[in-house]
Amino acid sequence: MDHRLWLHDAPGEGVAYAAVLPFDGRFDRRAHAARRFWRALSNRPVGPEFRPLPKQLDGKLKGASYRVIAEGLFGAARIPERGWKTHDLRNRTIRLVHAGVALMRRGYCDLLDYP
């Protein structure tokens, strides 16, 4: 797992750094992420994710077709053998994928509130 940290000035030797976490609606998530980050910096196991995302969100990024993503979302039994190009679930899947990609690109903080 890669972590990137931006510092205004070069880090000083023996200097302690602090994380500032606002007491807002996402405090518990931020505190969990800060602890995982600290553990990674300390070469310790980072521990579990706060709330793992469903595997379907990875499908588009890994090149899965809309049909395969729809099977993961709605179950293979609901996907028709014929007429897929005009089926409602195909259109719904495309909208969901586009919305998910938009969240990852511009509204990624909203993903922290999943589900």
Protein backbone atom coordinates (compact mmCIF):
# COMPACT_ATOMS: atom_id res chain seq x y z
CA MET A 1 0.00 0.00 0.00
CA ASP A 2 1.43 3.37 -1.03
CA HIS A 3 0.97 6.49 1.05
CA ARG A 4 1.80 9.98 -0.09
CA LEU A 5 2.42 12.82 2.29
CA TRP A 6 2.97 16.44 1.28
CA LEU A 7 5.04 18.61 3.57
CA HIS A 8 5.63 22.32 3.00
CA ASP A 9 9.22 22.05 4.22
CA ALA A 10 11.63 19.13 4.21
CA PRO A 11 11.07 16.85 7.21
CA GLY A 12 13.40 17.48 10.10
CA GLU A 13 15.21 14.69 11.89
CA GLY A 14 13.65 13.84 15.23
CA VAL A 15 10.67 16.14 14.61
CA ALA A 16 7.25 14.89 15.67
CA TYR A 17 4.31 15.55 13.39
CA ALA A 18 0.62 15.77 14.24
CA ALA A 19 -2.60 15.07 12.41
CA VAL A 20 -5.34 17.67 12.82
CA LEU A 21 -8.77 16.10 12.75
CA PRO A 22 -11.88 18.29 12.87
CA PHE A 23 -14.71 17.17 15.13
CA ASP A 24 -17.21 16.93 12.30
CA GLY A 25 -19.52 14.25 10.95
CA ARG A 26 -16.57 12.33 9.53
CA PHE A 27 -14.36 12.39 12.61
CA ASP A 28 -14.60 8.64 13.24
CA ARG A 29 -13.55 7.90 9.65
CA ARG A 30 -10.71 10.43 9.76
CA ALA A 31 -9.42 9.05 13.07
CA HIS A 32 -9.52 5.52 11.70
CA ALA A 33 -7.63 6.60 8.55
CA ALA A 34 -5.05 8.52 10.62
CA ARG A 35 -4.43 5.47 12.79
CA ARG A 36 -4.01 3.23 9.72
CA PHE A 37 -1.60 5.78 8.25
CA TRP A 38 0.43 5.91 11.47
CA ARG A 39 0.58 2.12 11.58
CA ALA A 40 1.80 2.01 7.97
CA LEU A 41 4.51 4.57 8.74
CA SER A 42 5.52 2.43 11.71
CA ASN A 43 5.81 -0.69 9.49
CA ARG A 44 2.95 -2.36 11.31
CA PRO A 45 -0.12 -4.03 9.80
CA VAL A 46 -2.59 -1.25 9.02
CA GLY A 47 -5.64 -3.22 10.07
CA PRO A 48 -9.08 -3.41 8.47
CA GLU A 49 -10.68 -0.74 6.33
CA PHE A 50 -13.24 1.46 8.04
CA ARG A 51 -16.05 0.15 5.88
CA PRO A 52 -14.93 -1.84 2.82
CA LEU A 53 -16.45 -0.86 -0.51
CA PRO A 54 -18.34 -3.52 -2.45
CA LYS A 55 -16.31 -5.37 -5.09
CA GLN A 56 -18.64 -4.13 -7.87
CA LEU A 57 -17.03 -0.67 -7.68
CA ASP A 58 -13.77 -2.18 -8.90
CA GLY A 59 -15.34 -3.75 -11.99
CA LYS A 60 -15.23 -0.82 -14.39
CA LEU A 61 -11.67 0.09 -13.43
CA LYS A 62 -10.59 -3.49 -14.13
CA GLY A 63 -12.23 -3.50 -17.57
CA ALA A 64 -15.37 -5.51 -16.81
CA SER A 65 -18.24 -5.19 -19.25
CA TYR A 66 -21.54 -3.64 -18.21
CA ARG A 67 -23.11 -7.11 -18.43
CA VAL A 68 -20.59 -8.53 -15.93
CA ILE A 69 -21.06 -5.54 -13.62
CA ALA A 70 -24.85 -5.94 -13.85
CA GLU A 71 -24.53 -9.61 -12.91
CA GLY A 72 -22.57 -8.59 -9.84
CA LEU A 73 -25.08 -5.90 -8.89
CA PHE A 74 -28.38 -7.57 -9.72
CA GLY A 75 -27.57 -11.29 -9.99
CA ALA A 76 -26.99 -13.33 -13.13
CA ALA A 77 -30.57 -14.66 -13.13
CA ARG A 78 -31.97 -11.17 -13.82
CA ILE A 79 -29.74 -10.56 -16.86
CA PRO A 80 -31.42 -11.66 -20.12
CA GLU A 81 -29.63 -13.83 -22.67
CA ARG A 82 -31.13 -11.77 -25.49
CA GLY A 83 -32.10 -8.14 -25.72
CA TRP A 84 -29.37 -6.96 -23.35
CA LYS A 85 -28.62 -3.84 -25.41
CA THR A 86 -32.13 -2.47 -24.80
CA HIS A 87 -32.79 -3.92 -21.33
CA ASP A 88 -33.56 -1.58 -18.43
CA LEU A 89 -30.87 -3.15 -16.22
CA ARG A 90 -28.21 -2.30 -18.81
CA ASN A 91 -29.23 1.36 -18.76
CA ARG A 92 -29.41 1.35 -14.97
CA THR A 93 -25.96 -0.29 -14.75
CA ILE A 94 -24.44 2.31 -17.07
CA ARG A 95 -25.92 5.14 -14.97
CA LEU A 96 -24.62 3.56 -11.75
CA VAL A 97 -21.13 3.06 -13.20
CA HIS A 98 -21.01 6.67 -14.44
CA ALA A 99 -22.18 7.93 -11.05
CA GLY A 100 -19.57 5.79 -9.29
CA VAL A 101 -16.77 7.03 -11.52
CA ALA A 102 -17.89 10.63 -10.95
CA LEU A 103 -17.78 10.06 -7.18
CA MET A 104 -14.27 8.65 -7.42
CA ARG A 105 -13.07 11.55 -9.56
CA ARG A 106 -14.78 14.51 -7.92
CA GLY A 107 -16.79 13.46 -4.90
CA TYR A 108 -14.58 10.84 -3.34
CA CYS A 109 -15.33 11.98 0.20
CA ASP A 110 -18.94 10.94 -0.36
CA LEU A 111 -17.67 7.36 -0.76
CA LEU A 112 -16.67 7.50 2.92
CA ASP A 113 -20.36 7.62 3.78
CA TYR A 114 -21.05 4.27 2.07
CA PRO A 115 -23.59 2.75 2.46
